[in-house]
Amino acid sequence: MSNNIGISTTILKNSIKNNKLSHAYLFELQENNDEIVFSFIKNIICPNNYSENCNICSICNRIDNNNYPSIKIIKPDGMWIKKEQLLELQKDFSKKAIESKKMIYVIYESEKMNSSAANTILKFLEEPSPGIIAILLTNNIHGVMNTIVSRCQTINCKSTVYDVDGLFDEKQVDTVINFVNELEQNNNDIIAKIHVLWNNIFGERECVKNTFEIMFLLYFNALQYKLEVEEVSDKYIKIIVNNNSIYSLKKKINLINDIRENLKFNVNIDMLMDKFIIMFNGVDSDGCSDNQII
């Protein structure tokens, strides 16, 4: 299992444990490696506290054999995923689930939806029904319609270290790095100092969203280095690596990911940031924090 899959697995397991499942996930996979996806599905549905060694459960075996009625699989019909396939899905899911409280649909190669299919699934994502979870798979997230990506929690399962400077404006990256540097100092007056820094720098909602996207990638890269015990050349990543254990990095990634999800909704950003800063400072080098962003 790659390091990236390990990180993603931690995020997914925590979302189940804390009963904070999203209504839609977009998995970026290496080719068609869907093992993590079906482990996640089994974790949601299995009544026997699914583990990786769950080989005796009839439900998990039926999921493996594509014989569980609350799970629907959609793959391209020829070159494309077509509107008719998704209309049939909506018809199937309009009925009440028989065996499970959750109904899950999995769309393979979601970048291959034609425009009418994409618009159909978009309506499904914009008005999610209780108990229905969408799981979209792709090995090319840039080929998926942006409006679909924005409505899903993205789970990256590719083993990589991101070029943050290449993905975002250099000035904004530098600003976020300075913010992270202050966060990592974790001294007595850090909360007041961070509040001042935050209010002076970050204004518009889109800027806040980009800030947490950059933070997610910075901490993800730091965890990659930590797991692979590599020499870190980037001095700012080195600060994060040196200040954290593997466990605390995973904990902070989860906190940042919670913020990313909350920012998709019309939440009070100031209140969200107050909570985040306090909780972030509650994660020590051993990752000890009992709180959860709500």
C-alpha atoms as a PDB file:
ATOM      1  CA  MET A   1       0.000   0.000   0.000  1.00  0.00           C
ATOM      2  CA  SER A   2       1.413   3.418  -0.981  1.00  0.00           C
ATOM      3  CA  ASN A   3       1.874   6.152   1.618  1.00  0.00           C
ATOM      4  CA  ASN A   4      -0.823   8.218  -0.059  1.00  0.00           C
ATOM      5  CA  ILE A   5      -3.352   5.401   0.239  1.00  0.00           C
ATOM      6  CA  GLY A   6      -2.417   5.083   3.914  1.00  0.00           C
ATOM      7  CA  ILE A   7      -3.174   8.770   4.482  1.00  0.00           C
ATOM      8  CA  SER A   8      -6.443   8.561   2.566  1.00  0.00           C
ATOM      9  CA  THR A   9      -7.456   5.451   4.510  1.00  0.00           C
ATOM     10  CA  THR A  10      -6.902   7.318   7.790  1.00  0.00           C
ATOM     11  CA  ILE A  11      -9.080  10.228   6.634  1.00  0.00           C
ATOM     12  CA  LEU A  12     -11.860   7.893   5.482  1.00  0.00           C
ATOM     13  CA  LYS A  13     -11.833   5.749   8.626  1.00  0.00           C
ATOM     14  CA  ASN A  14     -12.005   8.870  10.792  1.00  0.00           C
ATOM     15  CA  SER A  15     -14.989  10.167   8.825  1.00  0.00           C
ATOM     16  CA  ILE A  16     -16.827   6.888   9.537  1.00  0.00           C
ATOM     17  CA  LYS A  17     -15.734   6.784  13.186  1.00  0.00           C
ATOM     18  CA  ASN A  18     -16.875  10.363  13.786  1.00  0.00           C
ATOM     19  CA  ASN A  19     -20.089   9.919  11.762  1.00  0.00           C
ATOM     20  CA  LYS A  20     -19.049  12.673   9.361  1.00  0.00           C
ATOM     21  CA  LEU A  21     -19.528  10.950   6.024  1.00  0.00           C
ATOM     22  CA  SER A  22     -19.752  13.220   3.007  1.00  0.00           C
ATOM     23  CA  HIS A  23     -22.592  12.755   0.518  1.00  0.00           C
ATOM     24  CA  ALA A  24     -20.079  12.551  -2.353  1.00  0.00           C
ATOM     25  CA  TYR A  25     -16.464  11.429  -2.800  1.00  0.00           C
ATOM     26  CA  LEU A  26     -14.150  11.738  -5.763  1.00  0.00           C
ATOM     27  CA  PHE A  27     -11.267   9.260  -5.648  1.00  0.00           C
ATOM     28  CA  GLU A  28      -8.222  10.000  -7.794  1.00  0.00           C
ATOM     29  CA  LEU A  29      -6.703   6.570  -8.338  1.00  0.00           C
ATOM     30  CA  GLN A  30      -3.544   5.141  -9.831  1.00  0.00           C
ATOM     31  CA  GLU A  31      -5.017   3.461 -12.943  1.00  0.00           C
ATOM     32  CA  ASN A  32      -7.942   1.251 -11.827  1.00  0.00           C
ATOM     33  CA  ASN A  33      -6.782   0.325  -8.332  1.00  0.00           C
ATOM     34  CA  ASP A  34     -10.146   0.406  -6.565  1.00  0.00           C
ATOM     35  CA  GLU A  35      -9.156  -1.645  -3.495  1.00  0.00           C
ATOM     36  CA  ILE A  36      -9.301   1.340  -1.144  1.00  0.00           C
ATOM     37  CA  VAL A  37     -12.737   2.279  -2.505  1.00  0.00           C
ATOM     38  CA  PHE A  38     -14.318  -1.054  -1.704  1.00  0.00           C
ATOM     39  CA  SER A  39     -12.601  -1.243   1.678  1.00  0.00           C
ATOM     40  CA  PHE A  40     -14.242   2.118   2.406  1.00  0.00           C
ATOM     41  CA  ILE A  41     -17.646   0.858   1.227  1.00  0.00           C
ATOM     42  CA  LYS A  42     -17.355  -2.252   3.399  1.00  0.00           C
ATOM     43  CA  ASN A  43     -16.417  -0.085   6.381  1.00  0.00           C
ATOM     44  CA  ILE A  44     -19.669   1.831   5.877  1.00  0.00           C
ATOM     45  CA  ILE A  45     -21.989  -1.123   5.318  1.00  0.00           C
ATOM     46  CA  CYS A  46     -20.515  -4.146   7.121  1.00  0.00           C
ATOM     47  CA  PRO A  47     -22.452  -4.899  10.351  1.00  0.00           C
ATOM     48  CA  ASN A  48     -19.491  -6.803  11.814  1.00  0.00           C
ATOM     49  CA  ASN A  49     -17.048  -3.905  12.265  1.00  0.00           C
ATOM     50  CA  TYR A  50     -15.281  -4.596   8.988  1.00  0.00           C
ATOM     51  CA  SER A  51     -11.525  -5.039   9.054  1.00  0.00           C
ATOM     52  CA  GLU A  52      -9.071  -5.917   6.307  1.00  0.00           C
ATOM     53  CA  ASN A  53      -9.311  -9.542   7.462  1.00  0.00           C
ATOM     54  CA  CYS A  54     -13.099  -9.690   7.158  1.00  0.00           C
ATOM     55  CA  ASN A  55     -13.381 -12.793   4.983  1.00  0.00           C
ATOM     56  CA  ILE A  56     -16.287 -14.518   6.712  1.00  0.00           C
ATOM     57  CA  CYS A  57     -18.966 -11.844   6.415  1.00  0.00           C
ATOM     58  CA  SER A  58     -21.626 -12.728   3.833  1.00  0.00           C
ATOM     59  CA  ILE A  59     -22.331  -9.061   3.140  1.00  0.00           C
ATOM     60  CA  CYS A  60     -18.675  -8.280   2.375  1.00  0.00           C
ATOM     61  CA  ASN A  61     -18.498 -11.357   0.148  1.00  0.00           C
ATOM     62  CA  ARG A  62     -21.595 -10.198  -1.720  1.00  0.00           C
ATOM     63  CA  ILE A  63     -20.060  -6.758  -2.167  1.00  0.00           C
ATOM     64  CA  ASP A  64     -16.939  -8.413  -3.606  1.00  0.00           C
ATOM     65  CA  ASN A  65     -19.151 -10.377  -6.004  1.00  0.00           C
ATOM     66  CA  ASN A  66     -21.164  -7.295  -7.033  1.00  0.00           C
ATOM     67  CA  ASN A  67     -24.274  -8.908  -5.596  1.00  0.00           C
ATOM     68  CA  TYR A  68     -25.423  -6.362  -3.008  1.00  0.00           C
ATOM     69  CA  PRO A  69     -28.533  -4.387  -4.060  1.00  0.00           C
ATOM     70  CA  SER A  70     -27.686  -1.193  -2.144  1.00  0.00           C
ATOM     71  CA  ILE A  71     -24.517  -0.724  -4.207  1.00  0.00           C
ATOM     72  CA  LYS A  72     -24.738   0.231  -7.876  1.00  0.00           C
ATOM     73  CA  ILE A  73     -21.760   0.233 -10.231  1.00  0.00           C
ATOM     74  CA  ILE A  74     -21.652   2.372 -13.375  1.00  0.00           C
ATOM     75  CA  LYS A  75     -18.936   2.070 -16.030  1.00  0.00           C
ATOM     76  CA  PRO A  76     -18.603   3.688 -19.463  1.00  0.00           C
ATOM     77  CA  ASP A  77     -20.918   2.281 -22.103  1.00  0.00           C
ATOM     78  CA  GLY A  78     -18.444   2.236 -24.963  1.00  0.00           C
ATOM     79  CA  MET A  79     -16.460   5.482 -24.969  1.00  0.00           C
ATOM     80  CA  TRP A  80     -18.687   7.438 -22.592  1.00  0.00           C
ATOM     81  CA  ILE A  81     -20.878   7.312 -19.518  1.00  0.00           C
ATOM     82  CA  LYS A  82     -24.298   8.241 -20.848  1.00  0.00           C
ATOM     83  CA  LYS A  83     -27.236  10.179 -19.457  1.00  0.00           C
ATOM     84  CA  GLU A  84     -29.512   7.135 -19.716  1.00  0.00           C
ATOM     85  CA  GLN A  85     -27.269   5.169 -17.333  1.00  0.00           C
ATOM     86  CA  LEU A  86     -27.583   7.873 -14.685  1.00  0.00           C
ATOM     87  CA  LEU A  87     -31.330   8.267 -15.132  1.00  0.00           C
ATOM     88  CA  GLU A  88     -31.645   4.520 -14.542  1.00  0.00           C
ATOM     89  CA  LEU A  89     -29.502   4.948 -11.415  1.00  0.00           C
ATOM     90  CA  GLN A  90     -31.800   7.691 -10.113  1.00  0.00           C
ATOM     91  CA  LYS A  91     -34.805   5.466 -10.745  1.00  0.00           C
ATOM     92  CA  ASP A  92     -33.211   2.585  -8.806  1.00  0.00           C
ATOM     93  CA  PHE A  93     -32.244   4.841  -5.913  1.00  0.00           C
ATOM     94  CA  SER A  94     -35.698   6.383  -5.648  1.00  0.00           C
ATOM     95  CA  LYS A  95     -36.719   3.152  -3.924  1.00  0.00           C
ATOM     96  CA  LYS A  96     -36.053   2.582  -0.225  1.00  0.00           C
ATOM     97  CA  ALA A  97     -32.981   0.525   0.655  1.00  0.00           C
ATOM     98  CA  ILE A  98     -33.909  -2.987   1.754  1.00  0.00           C
ATOM     99  CA  GLU A  99     -30.780  -4.297   3.465  1.00  0.00           C
ATOM    100  CA  SER A 100     -28.782  -1.239   4.451  1.00  0.00           C
ATOM    101  CA  LYS A 101     -29.334   2.252   5.825  1.00  0.00           C
ATOM    102  CA  LYS A 102     -26.935   3.500   3.147  1.00  0.00           C
ATOM    103  CA  MET A 103     -27.181   3.276  -0.635  1.00  0.00           C
ATOM    104  CA  ILE A 104     -23.956   3.796  -2.554  1.00  0.00           C
ATOM    105  CA  TYR A 105     -23.272   4.275  -6.236  1.00  0.00           C
ATOM    106  CA  VAL A 106     -19.817   4.021  -7.782  1.00  0.00           C
ATOM    107  CA  ILE A 107     -19.033   5.673 -11.118  1.00  0.00           C
ATOM    108  CA  TYR A 108     -15.836   4.455 -12.777  1.00  0.00           C
ATOM    109  CA  GLU A 109     -13.848   6.739 -15.120  1.00  0.00           C
ATOM    110  CA  SER A 110     -15.999   9.706 -14.179  1.00  0.00           C
ATOM    111  CA  GLU A 111     -13.979  11.931 -16.510  1.00  0.00           C
ATOM    112  CA  LYS A 112     -15.769  10.090 -19.358  1.00  0.00           C
ATOM    113  CA  MET A 113     -19.216  11.502 -18.643  1.00  0.00           C
ATOM    114  CA  ASN A 114     -20.553  13.365 -21.661  1.00  0.00           C
ATOM    115  CA  SER A 115     -22.078  16.798 -21.045  1.00  0.00           C
ATOM    116  CA  SER A 116     -25.663  15.578 -20.610  1.00  0.00           C
ATOM    117  CA  ALA A 117     -24.534  12.819 -18.223  1.00  0.00           C
ATOM    118  CA  ALA A 118     -22.430  15.307 -16.238  1.00  0.00           C
ATOM    119  CA  ASN A 119     -25.395  17.670 -15.899  1.00  0.00           C
ATOM    120  CA  THR A 120     -27.610  14.785 -14.780  1.00  0.00           C
ATOM    121  CA  ILE A 121     -25.218  13.643 -12.043  1.00  0.00           C
ATOM    122  CA  LEU A 122     -24.669  17.273 -11.032  1.00  0.00           C
ATOM    123  CA  LYS A 123     -28.361  17.594 -10.141  1.00  0.00           C
ATOM    124  CA  PHE A 124     -28.032  14.413  -8.094  1.00  0.00           C
ATOM    125  CA  LEU A 125     -25.041  15.882  -6.225  1.00  0.00           C
ATOM    126  CA  GLU A 126     -26.635  19.299  -5.699  1.00  0.00           C
ATOM    127  CA  GLU A 127     -29.727  17.797  -4.063  1.00  0.00           C
ATOM    128  CA  PRO A 128     -28.379  14.792  -2.134  1.00  0.00           C
ATOM    129  CA  SER A 129     -30.931  12.430  -0.641  1.00  0.00           C
ATOM    130  CA  PRO A 130     -30.401  11.191   2.942  1.00  0.00           C
ATOM    131  CA  GLY A 131     -28.559   7.897   3.071  1.00  0.00           C
ATOM    132  CA  ILE A 132     -27.226   8.046  -0.501  1.00  0.00           C
ATOM    133  CA  ILE A 133     -23.464   8.306  -1.013  1.00  0.00           C
ATOM    134  CA  ALA A 134     -21.856   9.035  -4.373  1.00  0.00           C
ATOM    135  CA  ILE A 135     -18.385   7.664  -5.122  1.00  0.00           C
ATOM    136  CA  LEU A 136     -16.771   8.849  -8.335  1.00  0.00           C
ATOM    137  CA  LEU A 137     -13.489   7.362  -9.566  1.00  0.00           C
ATOM    138  CA  THR A 138     -10.920   8.836 -11.935  1.00  0.00           C
ATOM    139  CA  ASN A 139      -7.244   8.629 -12.797  1.00  0.00           C
ATOM    140  CA  ASN A 140      -7.404  12.112 -14.317  1.00  0.00           C
ATOM    141  CA  ILE A 141      -9.092  14.579 -11.984  1.00  0.00           C
ATOM    142  CA  HIS A 142      -8.413  17.439 -14.412  1.00  0.00           C
ATOM    143  CA  GLY A 143     -10.746  15.743 -16.890  1.00  0.00           C
ATOM    144  CA  VAL A 144     -13.677  15.843 -14.450  1.00  0.00           C
ATOM    145  CA  MET A 145     -16.030  18.818 -14.718  1.00  0.00           C
ATOM    146  CA  ASN A 146     -15.044  21.475 -12.154  1.00  0.00           C
ATOM    147  CA  THR A 147     -18.585  21.839 -10.845  1.00  0.00           C
ATOM    148  CA  ILE A 148     -18.618  18.110 -10.061  1.00  0.00           C
ATOM    149  CA  VAL A 149     -15.217  18.235  -8.348  1.00  0.00           C
ATOM    150  CA  SER A 150     -16.342  21.159  -6.178  1.00  0.00           C
ATOM    151  CA  ARG A 151     -19.293  19.156  -4.836  1.00  0.00           C
ATOM    152  CA  CYS A 152     -17.229  16.138  -3.812  1.00  0.00           C
ATOM    153  CA  GLN A 153     -14.689  15.428  -1.114  1.00  0.00           C
ATOM    154  CA  THR A 154     -11.574  14.588  -3.097  1.00  0.00           C
ATOM    155  CA  ILE A 155      -9.479  11.634  -1.969  1.00  0.00           C
ATOM    156  CA  ASN A 156      -6.087  11.390  -3.661  1.00  0.00           C
ATOM    157  CA  CYS A 157      -4.724   7.858  -3.827  1.00  0.00           C
ATOM    158  CA  LYS A 158      -1.721   8.552  -6.002  1.00  0.00           C
ATOM    159  CA  SER A 159       1.732   8.395  -4.449  1.00  0.00           C
ATOM    160  CA  THR A 160       3.246  11.793  -5.089  1.00  0.00           C
ATOM    161  CA  VAL A 161       4.778  14.903  -3.552  1.00  0.00           C
ATOM    162  CA  TYR A 162       3.011  17.981  -4.857  1.00  0.00           C
ATOM    163  CA  ASP A 163       4.711  20.981  -6.445  1.00  0.00           C
ATOM    164  CA  VAL A 164       2.744  23.551  -4.454  1.00  0.00           C
ATOM    165  CA  ASP A 165       4.447  26.522  -6.151  1.00  0.00           C
ATOM    166  CA  GLY A 166       3.412  25.150  -9.530  1.00  0.00           C
ATOM    167  CA  LEU A 167      -0.239  24.813  -8.511  1.00  0.00           C
ATOM    168  CA  PHE A 168      -0.846  28.181  -6.819  1.00  0.00           C
ATOM    169  CA  ASP A 169       0.241  31.797  -7.054  1.00  0.00           C
ATOM    170  CA  GLU A 170       3.742  32.140  -5.563  1.00  0.00           C
ATOM    171  CA  LYS A 171       2.828  35.152  -3.417  1.00  0.00           C
ATOM    172  CA  GLN A 172      -0.162  33.340  -1.925  1.00  0.00           C
ATOM    173  CA  VAL A 173       1.949  30.246  -1.223  1.00  0.00           C
ATOM    174  CA  ASP A 174       4.521  32.401   0.602  1.00  0.00           C
ATOM    175  CA  THR A 175       1.746  34.006   2.664  1.00  0.00           C
ATOM    176  CA  VAL A 176       0.336  30.618   3.664  1.00  0.00           C
ATOM    177  CA  ILE A 177       3.822  29.315   4.499  1.00  0.00           C
ATOM    178  CA  ASN A 178       4.331  32.249   6.890  1.00  0.00           C
ATOM    179  CA  PHE A 179       0.942  31.518   8.448  1.00  0.00           C
ATOM    180  CA  VAL A 180       1.862  27.834   8.897  1.00  0.00           C
ATOM    181  CA  ASN A 181       5.230  28.810  10.343  1.00  0.00           C
ATOM    182  CA  GLU A 182       3.456  30.846  13.027  1.00  0.00           C
ATOM    183  CA  LEU A 183       0.998  27.999  13.682  1.00  0.00           C
ATOM    184  CA  GLU A 184       3.844  25.548  14.213  1.00  0.00           C
ATOM    185  CA  GLN A 185       5.546  27.730  16.845  1.00  0.00           C
ATOM    186  CA  ASN A 186       2.792  26.686  19.263  1.00  0.00           C
ATOM    187  CA  ASN A 187       3.753  29.081  22.067  1.00  0.00           C
ATOM    188  CA  ASN A 188       1.615  30.761  24.724  1.00  0.00           C
ATOM    189  CA  ASP A 189       0.604  33.860  22.763  1.00  0.00           C
ATOM    190  CA  ILE A 190       0.233  32.081  19.420  1.00  0.00           C
ATOM    191  CA  ILE A 191      -3.592  32.178  19.344  1.00  0.00           C
ATOM    192  CA  ALA A 192      -3.775  35.974  19.634  1.00  0.00           C
ATOM    193  CA  LYS A 193      -0.900  36.377  17.180  1.00  0.00           C
ATOM    194  CA  ILE A 194      -2.493  34.033  14.634  1.00  0.00           C
ATOM    195  CA  HIS A 195      -5.822  35.883  14.885  1.00  0.00           C
ATOM    196  CA  VAL A 196      -4.104  39.155  13.997  1.00  0.00           C
ATOM    197  CA  LEU A 197      -2.185  37.525  11.148  1.00  0.00           C
ATOM    198  CA  TRP A 198      -5.331  35.829   9.821  1.00  0.00           C
ATOM    199  CA  ASN A 199      -7.467  38.992   9.905  1.00  0.00           C
ATOM    200  CA  ASN A 200      -4.757  41.069   8.219  1.00  0.00           C
ATOM    201  CA  ILE A 201      -4.093  38.617   5.384  1.00  0.00           C
ATOM    202  CA  PHE A 202      -7.156  36.576   4.529  1.00  0.00           C
ATOM    203  CA  GLY A 203     -10.339  38.293   3.474  1.00  0.00           C
ATOM    204  CA  GLU A 204     -12.337  36.812   0.631  1.00  0.00           C
ATOM    205  CA  ARG A 205     -13.873  33.357   0.969  1.00  0.00           C
ATOM    206  CA  GLU A 206     -12.065  32.063  -2.137  1.00  0.00           C
ATOM    207  CA  CYS A 207      -8.744  33.133  -0.619  1.00  0.00           C
ATOM    208  CA  VAL A 208      -9.588  31.185   2.543  1.00  0.00           C
ATOM    209  CA  LYS A 209     -10.416  28.100   0.460  1.00  0.00           C
ATOM    210  CA  ASN A 210      -7.102  28.328  -1.402  1.00  0.00           C
ATOM    211  CA  THR A 211      -5.286  28.777   1.901  1.00  0.00           C
ATOM    212  CA  PHE A 212      -6.544  25.436   3.183  1.00  0.00           C
ATOM    213  CA  GLU A 213      -5.871  23.722  -0.134  1.00  0.00           C
ATOM    214  CA  ILE A 214      -2.243  24.886   0.116  1.00  0.00           C
ATOM    215  CA  MET A 215      -2.026  23.888   3.785  1.00  0.00           C
ATOM    216  CA  PHE A 216      -3.387  20.436   2.963  1.00  0.00           C
ATOM    217  CA  LEU A 217      -0.682  19.935   0.314  1.00  0.00           C
ATOM    218  CA  LEU A 218       2.097  21.268   2.572  1.00  0.00           C
ATOM    219  CA  TYR A 219       1.194  18.883   5.389  1.00  0.00           C
ATOM    220  CA  PHE A 220       0.634  16.052   2.950  1.00  0.00           C
ATOM    221  CA  ASN A 221       4.136  16.587   1.508  1.00  0.00           C
ATOM    222  CA  ALA A 222       5.585  16.735   5.026  1.00  0.00           C
ATOM    223  CA  LEU A 223       3.960  13.407   5.864  1.00  0.00           C
ATOM    224  CA  GLN A 224       5.323  11.858   2.669  1.00  0.00           C
ATOM    225  CA  TYR A 225       8.852  12.890   3.682  1.00  0.00           C
ATOM    226  CA  LYS A 226       8.312  11.690   7.239  1.00  0.00           C
ATOM    227  CA  LEU A 227       7.046   8.285   6.117  1.00  0.00           C
ATOM    228  CA  GLU A 228       9.845   7.795   3.627  1.00  0.00           C
ATOM    229  CA  VAL A 229      12.539   9.151   6.002  1.00  0.00           C
ATOM    230  CA  GLU A 230      13.887  11.370   3.232  1.00  0.00           C
ATOM    231  CA  GLU A 231      16.147  14.398   3.615  1.00  0.00           C
ATOM    232  CA  VAL A 232      14.012  17.526   3.269  1.00  0.00           C
ATOM    233  CA  SER A 233      15.517  20.356   1.237  1.00  0.00           C
ATOM    234  CA  ASP A 234      12.606  22.798   1.591  1.00  0.00           C
ATOM    235  CA  LYS A 235      13.216  24.666   4.862  1.00  0.00           C
ATOM    236  CA  TYR A 236       9.518  25.356   5.444  1.00  0.00           C
ATOM    237  CA  ILE A 237       8.519  21.732   4.947  1.00  0.00           C
ATOM    238  CA  LYS A 238      11.427  20.846   7.253  1.00  0.00           C
ATOM    239  CA  ILE A 239       9.863  22.974  10.029  1.00  0.00           C
ATOM    240  CA  ILE A 240       6.636  20.976   9.726  1.00  0.00           C
ATOM    241  CA  VAL A 241       8.493  17.643   9.554  1.00  0.00           C
ATOM    242  CA  ASN A 242      10.691  18.420  12.572  1.00  0.00           C
ATOM    243  CA  ASN A 243       7.801  19.713  14.693  1.00  0.00           C
ATOM    244  CA  ASN A 244       5.526  16.721  14.203  1.00  0.00           C
ATOM    245  CA  SER A 245       5.299  12.978  14.592  1.00  0.00           C
ATOM    246  CA  ILE A 246       3.651  10.894  11.874  1.00  0.00           C
ATOM    247  CA  TYR A 247       0.559  10.671  14.068  1.00  0.00           C
ATOM    248  CA  SER A 248       0.292  14.417  14.652  1.00  0.00           C
ATOM    249  CA  LEU A 249       0.753  15.101  10.929  1.00  0.00           C
ATOM    250  CA  LYS A 250      -2.157  12.776  10.172  1.00  0.00           C
ATOM    251  CA  LYS A 251      -4.217  14.482  12.876  1.00  0.00           C
ATOM    252  CA  LYS A 252      -3.501  17.933  11.447  1.00  0.00           C
ATOM    253  CA  ILE A 253      -4.277  16.767   7.918  1.00  0.00           C
ATOM    254  CA  ASN A 254      -7.653  15.565   9.188  1.00  0.00           C
ATOM    255  CA  LEU A 255      -8.336  18.927  10.849  1.00  0.00           C
ATOM    256  CA  ILE A 256      -7.402  20.805   7.671  1.00  0.00           C
ATOM    257  CA  ASN A 257      -9.553  18.451   5.628  1.00  0.00           C
ATOM    258  CA  ASP A 258     -12.510  19.115   7.945  1.00  0.00           C
ATOM    259  CA  ILE A 259     -12.116  22.840   7.265  1.00  0.00           C
ATOM    260  CA  ARG A 260     -11.987  22.224   3.510  1.00  0.00           C
ATOM    261  CA  GLU A 261     -15.289  20.362   3.759  1.00  0.00           C
ATOM    262  CA  ASN A 262     -16.930  22.996   5.998  1.00  0.00           C
ATOM    263  CA  LEU A 263     -15.965  25.761   3.563  1.00  0.00           C
ATOM    264  CA  LYS A 264     -18.212  24.200   0.922  1.00  0.00           C
ATOM    265  CA  PHE A 265     -21.153  25.423   2.987  1.00  0.00           C
ATOM    266  CA  ASN A 266     -22.296  28.855   4.126  1.00  0.00           C
ATOM    267  CA  VAL A 267     -20.512  28.729   7.477  1.00  0.00           C
ATOM    268  CA  ASN A 268     -19.284  31.620   9.604  1.00  0.00           C
ATOM    269  CA  ILE A 269     -15.604  31.741   8.660  1.00  0.00           C
ATOM    270  CA  ASP A 270     -14.490  33.679  11.745  1.00  0.00           C
ATOM    271  CA  MET A 271     -16.070  31.135  14.091  1.00  0.00           C
ATOM    272  CA  LEU A 272     -14.680  28.264  12.037  1.00  0.00           C
ATOM    273  CA  MET A 273     -11.186  29.748  12.212  1.00  0.00           C
ATOM    274  CA  ASP A 274     -11.407  30.322  15.971  1.00  0.00           C
ATOM    275  CA  LYS A 275     -12.218  26.666  16.455  1.00  0.00           C
ATOM    276  CA  PHE A 276      -9.556  25.495  14.007  1.00  0.00           C
ATOM    277  CA  ILE A 277      -6.736  27.489  15.625  1.00  0.00           C
ATOM    278  CA  ILE A 278      -7.614  26.241  19.112  1.00  0.00           C
ATOM    279  CA  MET A 279      -7.869  22.645  17.952  1.00  0.00           C
ATOM    280  CA  PHE A 280      -4.716  22.839  15.845  1.00  0.00           C
ATOM    281  CA  ASN A 281      -2.791  24.001  18.887  1.00  0.00           C
ATOM    282  CA  GLY A 282      -4.320  21.123  20.837  1.00  0.00           C
ATOM    283  CA  VAL A 283      -2.440  18.621  18.683  1.00  0.00           C
ATOM    284  CA  ASP A 284       0.952  18.086  20.326  1.00  0.00           C
ATOM    285  CA  SER A 285       3.939  16.270  18.809  1.00  0.00           C
ATOM    286  CA  ASP A 286       2.306  12.964  19.700  1.00  0.00           C
ATOM    287  CA  GLY A 287      -0.961  13.936  18.017  1.00  0.00           C
ATOM    288  CA  CYS A 288      -3.007  14.143  21.204  1.00  0.00           C
ATOM    289  CA  SER A 289      -6.249  16.041  20.647  1.00  0.00           C
ATOM    290  CA  ASP A 290      -9.686  14.835  21.643  1.00  0.00           C
ATOM    291  CA  ASN A 291     -11.637  17.499  19.775  1.00  0.00           C
ATOM    292  CA  GLN A 292     -13.377  17.424  16.411  1.00  0.00           C
ATOM    293  CA  ILE A 293     -14.529  20.242  14.171  1.00  0.00           C
ATOM    294  CA  ILE A 294     -18.302  20.253  13.943  1.00  0.00           C
END
